[in-house]
Amino acid sequence: MVKQEGSYKYLMKGSTSFPNLFMAGDWIITRHGSTSKEKAFVTGLEAANQVVDYCGMGDFAKIIPVEDDEPHIETLRELNRRFNECQTRL
């Protein structure tokens, strides 16, 4: 699933008003940069790390940063962004 432009404001935080309830999924705000299944996995690790922190026991999961896109991917993303901008103007 590709997130629609402007959908970020509807994403939830991984923490809740309950001190021992943590959220995970691709609808959670994260600084990781992953998307879809990868984002669900990473937010699961983040939630697990919050549980370790809350309980004060266990080992934290290591979360590997996302690598930068290769130049041809960056170019195609920029082209797609510009195409979408032109499309909305029409």
N, C-alpha and C. Protein backbone atom coordinates (compact mmCIF):
# COMPACT_ATOMS: atom_id res chain seq x y z
N MET A 1 0.84 -1.17 0.00
CA MET A 1 0.00 0.00 0.00
C MET A 1 0.88 1.23 0.00
N VAL A 2 0.59 2.16 -0.88
CA VAL A 2 1.33 3.41 -0.94
C VAL A 2 0.54 4.46 -0.17
N LYS A 3 1.22 5.17 0.71
CA LYS A 3 0.56 6.22 1.47
C LYS A 3 0.20 7.38 0.55
N GLN A 4 -0.99 7.90 0.71
CA GLN A 4 -1.43 9.03 -0.08
C GLN A 4 -0.82 10.32 0.47
N GLU A 5 -0.58 11.26 -0.41
CA GLU A 5 -0.04 12.55 0.01
C GLU A 5 -1.00 13.19 1.01
N GLY A 6 -0.45 13.70 2.09
CA GLY A 6 -1.26 14.34 3.12
C GLY A 6 -1.77 13.38 4.19
N SER A 7 -1.46 12.09 4.07
CA SER A 7 -1.96 11.13 5.05
C SER A 7 -1.15 11.10 6.34
N TYR A 8 0.03 11.73 6.33
CA TYR A 8 0.90 11.70 7.51
C TYR A 8 0.18 12.22 8.75
N LYS A 9 -0.65 13.24 8.59
CA LYS A 9 -1.33 13.83 9.75
C LYS A 9 -2.29 12.85 10.43
N TYR A 10 -2.65 11.77 9.75
CA TYR A 10 -3.56 10.78 10.33
C TYR A 10 -2.83 9.61 11.00
N LEU A 11 -1.51 9.56 10.88
CA LEU A 11 -0.76 8.47 11.50
C LEU A 11 -0.75 8.62 13.02
N MET A 12 -0.66 7.49 13.71
CA MET A 12 -0.68 7.48 15.17
C MET A 12 0.73 7.42 15.74
N LYS A 13 0.85 7.83 16.99
CA LYS A 13 2.11 7.68 17.71
C LYS A 13 2.23 6.23 18.19
N GLY A 14 3.45 5.79 18.43
CA GLY A 14 3.67 4.44 18.93
C GLY A 14 3.33 4.29 20.40
N SER A 15 3.26 5.41 21.11
CA SER A 15 2.92 5.36 22.54
C SER A 15 1.44 5.71 22.71
N THR A 16 0.90 5.36 23.85
CA THR A 16 -0.51 5.63 24.14
C THR A 16 -0.63 6.29 25.51
N SER A 17 -1.85 6.60 25.91
CA SER A 17 -2.07 7.17 27.24
C SER A 17 -1.96 6.10 28.33
N PHE A 18 -1.91 4.84 27.94
CA PHE A 18 -1.70 3.74 28.88
C PHE A 18 -0.20 3.48 28.98
N PRO A 19 0.38 3.49 30.18
CA PRO A 19 1.83 3.36 30.30
C PRO A 19 2.40 2.03 29.84
N ASN A 20 1.57 1.01 29.74
CA ASN A 20 2.08 -0.31 29.36
C ASN A 20 1.47 -0.83 28.05
N LEU A 21 0.99 0.09 27.20
CA LEU A 21 0.44 -0.28 25.90
C LEU A 21 1.20 0.47 24.81
N PHE A 22 1.77 -0.27 23.88
CA PHE A 22 2.57 0.31 22.81
C PHE A 22 2.03 -0.16 21.47
N MET A 23 2.07 0.70 20.46
CA MET A 23 1.48 0.42 19.16
C MET A 23 2.55 0.12 18.12
N ALA A 24 2.20 -0.71 17.14
CA ALA A 24 3.09 -1.03 16.03
C ALA A 24 2.24 -1.21 14.77
N GLY A 25 2.83 -0.97 13.62
CA GLY A 25 2.15 -1.14 12.34
C GLY A 25 2.59 -0.08 11.35
N ASP A 26 2.16 -0.20 10.11
CA ASP A 26 2.61 0.77 9.11
C ASP A 26 1.84 2.08 9.20
N TRP A 27 0.91 2.20 10.14
CA TRP A 27 0.17 3.44 10.37
C TRP A 27 0.76 4.23 11.55
N ILE A 28 1.92 3.84 12.03
CA ILE A 28 2.57 4.48 13.18
C ILE A 28 3.65 5.44 12.69
N ILE A 29 3.75 6.60 13.33
CA ILE A 29 4.80 7.57 13.02
C ILE A 29 6.14 7.02 13.48
N THR A 30 7.12 7.06 12.60
CA THR A 30 8.47 6.62 12.94
C THR A 30 9.47 7.46 12.15
N ARG A 31 10.66 7.61 12.69
CA ARG A 31 11.71 8.35 11.98
C ARG A 31 12.55 7.43 11.11
N HIS A 32 12.23 6.15 11.09
CA HIS A 32 13.07 5.16 10.41
C HIS A 32 13.11 5.34 8.90
N GLY A 33 12.02 5.67 8.26
CA GLY A 33 12.00 5.85 6.82
C GLY A 33 11.54 4.63 6.04
N SER A 34 11.19 3.57 6.72
CA SER A 34 10.72 2.37 6.05
C SER A 34 9.24 2.52 5.71
N THR A 35 8.76 1.66 4.82
CA THR A 35 7.35 1.70 4.43
C THR A 35 6.76 0.30 4.43
N SER A 36 5.45 0.23 4.49
CA SER A 36 4.67 -0.99 4.35
C SER A 36 5.09 -2.08 5.33
N LYS A 37 5.40 -3.28 4.82
CA LYS A 37 5.73 -4.41 5.71
C LYS A 37 6.98 -4.12 6.53
N GLU A 38 7.95 -3.48 5.91
CA GLU A 38 9.17 -3.16 6.64
C GLU A 38 8.87 -2.20 7.79
N LYS A 39 7.98 -1.24 7.54
CA LYS A 39 7.63 -0.28 8.59
C LYS A 39 6.88 -0.99 9.72
N ALA A 40 6.01 -1.92 9.39
CA ALA A 40 5.30 -2.68 10.41
C ALA A 40 6.29 -3.47 11.26
N PHE A 41 7.30 -4.05 10.62
CA PHE A 41 8.32 -4.81 11.34
C PHE A 41 9.13 -3.90 12.25
N VAL A 42 9.57 -2.76 11.71
CA VAL A 42 10.40 -1.83 12.49
C VAL A 42 9.62 -1.25 13.66
N THR A 43 8.36 -0.88 13.45
CA THR A 43 7.58 -0.35 14.57
C THR A 43 7.32 -1.44 15.61
N GLY A 44 7.27 -2.69 15.18
CA GLY A 44 7.18 -3.80 16.13
C GLY A 44 8.43 -3.88 17.00
N LEU A 45 9.60 -3.71 16.37
CA LEU A 45 10.84 -3.67 17.14
C LEU A 45 10.87 -2.48 18.09
N GLU A 46 10.39 -1.31 17.60
CA GLU A 46 10.35 -0.12 18.45
C GLU A 46 9.42 -0.35 19.64
N ALA A 47 8.26 -0.97 19.40
CA ALA A 47 7.33 -1.27 20.49
C ALA A 47 7.96 -2.24 21.48
N ALA A 48 8.66 -3.25 20.96
CA ALA A 48 9.35 -4.20 21.84
C ALA A 48 10.40 -3.49 22.69
N ASN A 49 11.12 -2.55 22.08
CA ASN A 49 12.11 -1.78 22.84
C ASN A 49 11.45 -0.93 23.92
N GLN A 50 10.26 -0.42 23.64
CA GLN A 50 9.53 0.34 24.66
C GLN A 50 9.13 -0.56 25.82
N VAL A 51 8.76 -1.80 25.52
CA VAL A 51 8.41 -2.75 26.58
C VAL A 51 9.64 -3.06 27.43
N VAL A 52 10.79 -3.29 26.78
CA VAL A 52 12.04 -3.54 27.52
C VAL A 52 12.35 -2.35 28.42
N ASP A 53 12.20 -1.14 27.88
CA ASP A 53 12.46 0.06 28.67
C ASP A 53 11.48 0.18 29.83
N TYR A 54 10.20 -0.08 29.57
CA TYR A 54 9.17 0.02 30.60
C TYR A 54 9.39 -1.01 31.72
N CYS A 55 9.73 -2.23 31.34
CA CYS A 55 9.92 -3.30 32.32
C CYS A 55 11.29 -3.25 32.99
N GLY A 56 12.23 -2.57 32.35
CA GLY A 56 13.57 -2.47 32.92
C GLY A 56 14.35 -3.77 32.84
N MET A 57 13.96 -4.63 31.92
CA MET A 57 14.69 -5.89 31.76
C MET A 57 14.59 -6.36 30.32
N GLY A 58 15.56 -7.15 29.90
CA GLY A 58 15.59 -7.65 28.53
C GLY A 58 16.62 -6.90 27.70
N ASP A 59 16.76 -7.30 26.47
CA ASP A 59 17.71 -6.68 25.55
C ASP A 59 16.97 -5.89 24.49
N PHE A 60 17.50 -4.72 24.18
CA PHE A 60 16.91 -3.89 23.13
C PHE A 60 17.22 -4.49 21.76
N ALA A 61 16.25 -4.42 20.87
CA ALA A 61 16.45 -4.87 19.49
C ALA A 61 17.23 -3.80 18.74
N LYS A 62 18.15 -4.23 17.91
CA LYS A 62 18.91 -3.30 17.09
C LYS A 62 18.11 -3.01 15.82
N ILE A 63 17.92 -1.73 15.55
CA ILE A 63 17.19 -1.31 14.36
C ILE A 63 18.19 -0.70 13.38
N ILE A 64 18.30 -1.31 12.23
CA ILE A 64 19.28 -0.88 11.22
C ILE A 64 18.67 0.26 10.40
N PRO A 65 19.40 1.38 10.25
CA PRO A 65 18.87 2.50 9.46
C PRO A 65 18.66 2.13 7.99
N VAL A 66 17.71 2.79 7.37
CA VAL A 66 17.45 2.60 5.95
C VAL A 66 18.57 3.26 5.16
N GLU A 67 19.06 2.57 4.14
CA GLU A 67 20.09 3.15 3.28
C GLU A 67 19.46 4.19 2.37
N ASP A 68 20.25 5.18 1.96
CA ASP A 68 19.78 6.18 1.01
C ASP A 68 19.41 5.50 -0.30
N ASP A 69 18.44 6.09 -1.01
CA ASP A 69 18.07 5.56 -2.31
C ASP A 69 19.22 5.72 -3.29
N GLU A 70 19.31 4.80 -4.23
CA GLU A 70 20.29 4.91 -5.30
C GLU A 70 19.88 6.06 -6.21
N PRO A 71 20.84 6.68 -6.93
CA PRO A 71 20.54 7.85 -7.75
C PRO A 71 19.38 7.65 -8.73
N HIS A 72 19.28 6.50 -9.37
CA HIS A 72 18.20 6.31 -10.35
C HIS A 72 16.83 6.26 -9.65
N ILE A 73 16.78 5.77 -8.43
CA ILE A 73 15.52 5.75 -7.68
C ILE A 73 15.14 7.17 -7.27
N GLU A 74 16.11 7.95 -6.79
CA GLU A 74 15.85 9.34 -6.44
C GLU A 74 15.32 10.11 -7.64
N THR A 75 15.92 9.89 -8.81
CA THR A 75 15.49 10.57 -10.03
C THR A 75 14.06 10.20 -10.37
N LEU A 76 13.72 8.93 -10.31
CA LEU A 76 12.35 8.50 -10.62
C LEU A 76 11.35 9.02 -9.60
N ARG A 77 11.72 9.08 -8.34
CA ARG A 77 10.81 9.64 -7.33
C ARG A 77 10.55 11.12 -7.59
N GLU A 78 11.60 11.84 -7.93
CA GLU A 78 11.45 13.27 -8.23
C GLU A 78 10.58 13.45 -9.47
N LEU A 79 10.80 12.64 -10.49
CA LEU A 79 9.98 12.70 -11.70
C LEU A 79 8.52 12.41 -11.38
N ASN A 80 8.27 11.42 -10.55
CA ASN A 80 6.90 11.09 -10.14
C ASN A 80 6.27 12.23 -9.35
N ARG A 81 7.04 12.83 -8.45
CA ARG A 81 6.52 13.96 -7.66
C ARG A 81 6.13 15.11 -8.58
N ARG A 82 6.99 15.44 -9.54
CA ARG A 82 6.69 16.54 -10.47
C ARG A 82 5.49 16.22 -11.35
N PHE A 83 5.40 14.98 -11.79
CA PHE A 83 4.25 14.57 -12.60
C PHE A 83 2.96 14.75 -11.80
N ASN A 84 2.96 14.32 -10.55
CA ASN A 84 1.77 14.46 -9.70
C ASN A 84 1.42 15.92 -9.46
N GLU A 85 2.43 16.78 -9.31
CA GLU A 85 2.17 18.22 -9.16
C GLU A 85 1.50 18.78 -10.40
N CYS A 86 2.02 18.41 -11.57
CA CYS A 86 1.42 18.88 -12.83
C CYS A 86 0.00 18.37 -12.98
N GLN A 87 -0.22 17.14 -12.59
CA GLN A 87 -1.54 16.52 -12.70
C GLN A 87 -2.56 17.25 -11.83
N THR A 88 -2.17 17.67 -10.64
CA THR A 88 -3.12 18.36 -9.76
C THR A 88 -3.43 19.77 -10.24
N ARG A 89 -2.53 20.34 -11.04
CA ARG A 89 -2.77 21.68 -11.57
C ARG A 89 -3.77 21.67 -12.72
N LEU A 90 -3.93 20.52 -13.36
CA LEU A 90 -4.83 20.42 -14.52
C LEU A 90 -6.26 20.31 -14.13
